[in-house]
Amino acid sequence: MLAIAFPGMGQIYNRKYWKIPLVYAGFGALIYSVGYNSSNYNMYMKAYQDFTDLIPETVSYQKVILYADPATYDPVLHPDTYHPSDAAYYREGMLRLLDSYKRYRDLSYIGIAGWYLISILDANVDASLFNYDISDNLDIAIAPIQVPLPGGYPAAGINVGLRVTF
């Protein structure tokens, strides 16, 4: 129940202190992934909006299209020299990246929920097995035996048995 209230508290209660950095490292990585993908999604969304509008002052797309000459793809700033195929290429590229960052951002949110459930499940299973008795009364033995084959011929084999004594 403590793991539901605050992540990592179930691991502290179970005295599994080495798991706490793993829990928070997972949350930290997923939160970083959300921030990274959200900032890139917003940047490409703004760039795509500025690329498709007809306002010459909005040129944020030039920050994402780095190594191309705007005279070849920009119909607003250079209406006489742009190539429609270049403009379509960069527009479709921005849309692909926009969809990619949105997908990974959404998967990161799902990952946070999944990691939260895994940490709760880990604490619950560890708490339920906390008093599990592992003693010398539980024994496993591997012994050779004689296995009869069809036709009455004996052959060697291995028998695995579990013995519990009370």
Protein backbone atom coordinates (compact mmCIF):
# COMPACT_ATOMS: atom_id res chain seq x y z
CA MET A 1 0.00 0.00 0.00
CA LEU A 2 2.93 2.34 0.62
CA ALA A 3 4.13 1.91 -2.97
CA ILE A 4 0.77 3.18 -4.19
CA ALA A 5 0.98 6.28 -2.01
CA PHE A 6 4.56 7.15 -2.96
CA PRO A 7 6.84 5.29 -5.38
CA GLY A 8 9.73 3.63 -3.59
CA MET A 9 8.11 3.50 -0.16
CA GLY A 10 7.14 -0.14 -0.66
CA GLN A 11 10.77 -1.00 -1.35
CA ILE A 12 11.81 0.88 1.80
CA TYR A 13 9.19 -0.98 3.85
CA ASN A 14 10.45 -4.31 2.49
CA ARG A 15 14.05 -3.29 3.31
CA LYS A 16 15.12 -3.63 -0.32
CA TYR A 17 17.02 -0.36 -0.37
CA TRP A 18 19.00 -1.26 -3.48
CA LYS A 19 15.82 -1.14 -5.56
CA ILE A 20 15.06 2.51 -4.73
CA PRO A 21 17.63 3.98 -7.17
CA LEU A 22 16.26 1.69 -9.89
CA VAL A 23 12.71 2.92 -9.29
CA TYR A 24 13.72 6.57 -9.44
CA ALA A 25 16.13 6.06 -12.35
CA GLY A 26 13.26 4.58 -14.36
CA PHE A 27 10.97 7.49 -13.52
CA GLY A 28 13.75 9.98 -14.26
CA ALA A 29 14.51 8.47 -17.65
CA LEU A 30 10.85 8.41 -18.62
CA ILE A 31 10.24 11.99 -17.44
CA TYR A 32 13.31 13.11 -19.39
CA SER A 33 11.94 11.32 -22.44
CA VAL A 34 8.61 13.11 -22.06
CA GLY A 35 10.36 16.49 -21.83
CA TYR A 36 12.67 15.83 -24.77
CA ASN A 37 9.93 14.56 -27.06
CA SER A 38 7.49 17.31 -26.00
CA SER A 39 9.99 20.10 -26.68
CA ASN A 40 10.88 18.67 -30.09
CA TYR A 41 7.20 18.13 -30.88
CA ASN A 42 6.44 21.78 -30.03
CA MET A 43 9.42 22.99 -32.06
CA TYR A 44 8.39 21.02 -35.16
CA MET A 45 4.73 21.97 -34.73
CA LYS A 46 5.67 25.66 -34.71
CA ALA A 47 8.01 25.15 -37.66
CA TYR A 48 5.31 23.35 -39.66
CA GLN A 49 2.74 26.04 -38.88
CA ASP A 50 5.17 28.77 -39.91
CA PHE A 51 6.15 26.87 -43.07
CA THR A 52 2.55 26.49 -44.23
CA ASP A 53 1.30 30.00 -43.46
CA LEU A 54 1.67 32.98 -45.80
CA ILE A 55 3.20 35.41 -43.29
CA PRO A 56 6.80 36.32 -44.24
CA GLU A 57 7.79 37.24 -40.67
CA THR A 58 7.29 33.70 -39.32
CA VAL A 59 10.46 31.84 -40.20
CA SER A 60 10.97 29.41 -37.29
CA TYR A 61 11.19 26.55 -39.82
CA GLN A 62 14.64 27.79 -40.82
CA LYS A 63 15.88 26.52 -37.43
CA VAL A 64 14.96 22.94 -38.34
CA ILE A 65 15.89 23.04 -42.02
CA LEU A 66 19.56 23.76 -41.48
CA TYR A 67 21.59 22.93 -44.56
CA ALA A 68 19.29 23.96 -47.39
CA ASP A 69 19.02 27.28 -49.15
CA PRO A 70 15.63 28.93 -48.42
CA ALA A 71 15.57 30.15 -52.01
CA THR A 72 14.91 26.56 -53.14
CA TYR A 73 12.02 25.66 -50.84
CA ASP A 74 10.39 28.84 -49.46
CA PRO A 75 7.43 30.04 -51.58
CA VAL A 76 6.72 33.04 -49.31
CA LEU A 77 10.17 34.62 -49.12
CA HIS A 78 11.37 33.52 -52.58
CA PRO A 79 8.33 33.04 -54.84
CA ASP A 80 10.38 33.15 -58.04
CA THR A 81 13.16 30.68 -57.19
CA TYR A 82 11.53 27.99 -55.04
CA HIS A 83 10.88 24.46 -56.31
CA PRO A 84 7.49 22.98 -55.36
CA SER A 85 9.04 19.52 -55.01
CA ASP A 86 11.60 20.82 -52.48
CA ALA A 87 8.84 22.56 -50.52
CA ALA A 88 6.77 19.36 -50.47
CA TYR A 89 9.84 17.34 -49.41
CA TYR A 90 10.54 19.55 -46.39
CA ARG A 91 6.85 19.84 -45.47
CA GLU A 92 6.46 16.04 -45.47
CA GLY A 93 9.70 15.65 -43.52
CA MET A 94 8.45 18.01 -40.83
CA LEU A 95 5.15 16.10 -40.65
CA ARG A 96 6.99 12.78 -40.25
CA LEU A 97 9.15 14.15 -37.46
CA LEU A 98 6.11 15.79 -35.86
CA ASP A 99 4.25 12.47 -35.79
CA SER A 100 7.33 10.63 -34.54
CA TYR A 101 7.92 12.95 -31.59
CA LYS A 102 4.22 12.89 -30.70
CA ARG A 103 4.19 9.07 -30.76
CA TYR A 104 7.29 8.80 -28.56
CA ARG A 105 5.96 11.42 -26.16
CA ASP A 106 2.71 9.48 -25.78
CA LEU A 107 4.61 6.20 -25.35
CA SER A 108 6.69 7.84 -22.63
CA TYR A 109 3.52 8.75 -20.74
CA ILE A 110 2.35 5.15 -21.05
CA GLY A 111 5.82 4.06 -19.87
CA ILE A 112 5.48 6.19 -16.73
CA ALA A 113 2.17 4.50 -15.89
CA GLY A 114 3.67 1.08 -16.63
CA TRP A 115 6.77 1.74 -14.52
CA TYR A 116 4.54 2.91 -11.67
CA LEU A 117 2.54 -0.33 -11.85
CA ILE A 118 5.72 -2.42 -12.02
CA SER A 119 7.12 -0.73 -8.91
CA ILE A 120 3.84 -1.37 -7.09
CA LEU A 121 3.80 -5.00 -8.24
CA ASP A 122 7.42 -5.49 -7.19
CA ALA A 123 6.75 -4.12 -3.70
CA ASN A 124 3.59 -6.22 -3.35
CA VAL A 125 5.23 -9.48 -4.44
CA ASP A 126 8.26 -8.79 -2.26
CA ALA A 127 6.04 -8.07 0.75
CA SER A 128 4.01 -11.25 0.23
CA LEU A 129 7.20 -13.34 -0.01
CA PHE A 130 8.87 -11.58 2.92
CA ASN A 131 8.00 -14.33 5.42
CA TYR A 132 8.45 -17.24 3.00
CA ASP A 133 10.31 -20.03 4.76
CA ILE A 134 13.40 -21.31 3.00
CA SER A 135 14.93 -23.92 5.25
CA ASP A 136 16.77 -27.24 5.09
CA ASN A 137 13.45 -29.07 5.09
CA LEU A 138 13.14 -28.48 1.36
CA ASP A 139 15.42 -30.72 -0.70
CA ILE A 140 15.81 -31.61 -4.34
CA ALA A 141 17.63 -34.78 -5.33
CA ILE A 142 18.93 -35.93 -8.69
CA ALA A 143 19.66 -39.68 -8.84
CA PRO A 144 20.38 -42.13 -11.62
CA ILE A 145 17.73 -44.79 -12.27
CA GLN A 146 17.18 -47.69 -14.61
CA VAL A 147 14.55 -46.99 -17.29
CA PRO A 148 12.94 -49.91 -19.10
CA LEU A 149 12.89 -49.55 -22.89
CA PRO A 150 10.43 -51.22 -25.25
CA GLY A 151 11.44 -54.82 -25.73
CA GLY A 152 12.50 -55.25 -22.10
CA TYR A 153 16.00 -53.74 -22.40
CA PRO A 154 17.18 -51.60 -19.49
CA ALA A 155 18.73 -48.16 -20.07
CA ALA A 156 20.22 -45.43 -17.90
CA GLY A 157 18.18 -42.33 -17.05
CA ILE A 158 17.91 -39.50 -14.56
CA ASN A 159 15.19 -39.07 -11.99
CA VAL A 160 14.43 -35.68 -10.42
CA GLY A 161 12.48 -35.71 -7.19
CA LEU A 162 11.33 -33.09 -4.72
CA ARG A 163 11.08 -34.02 -1.07
CA VAL A 164 9.49 -31.85 1.62
CA THR A 165 9.91 -32.93 5.22
CA PHE A 166 7.94 -31.55 8.16
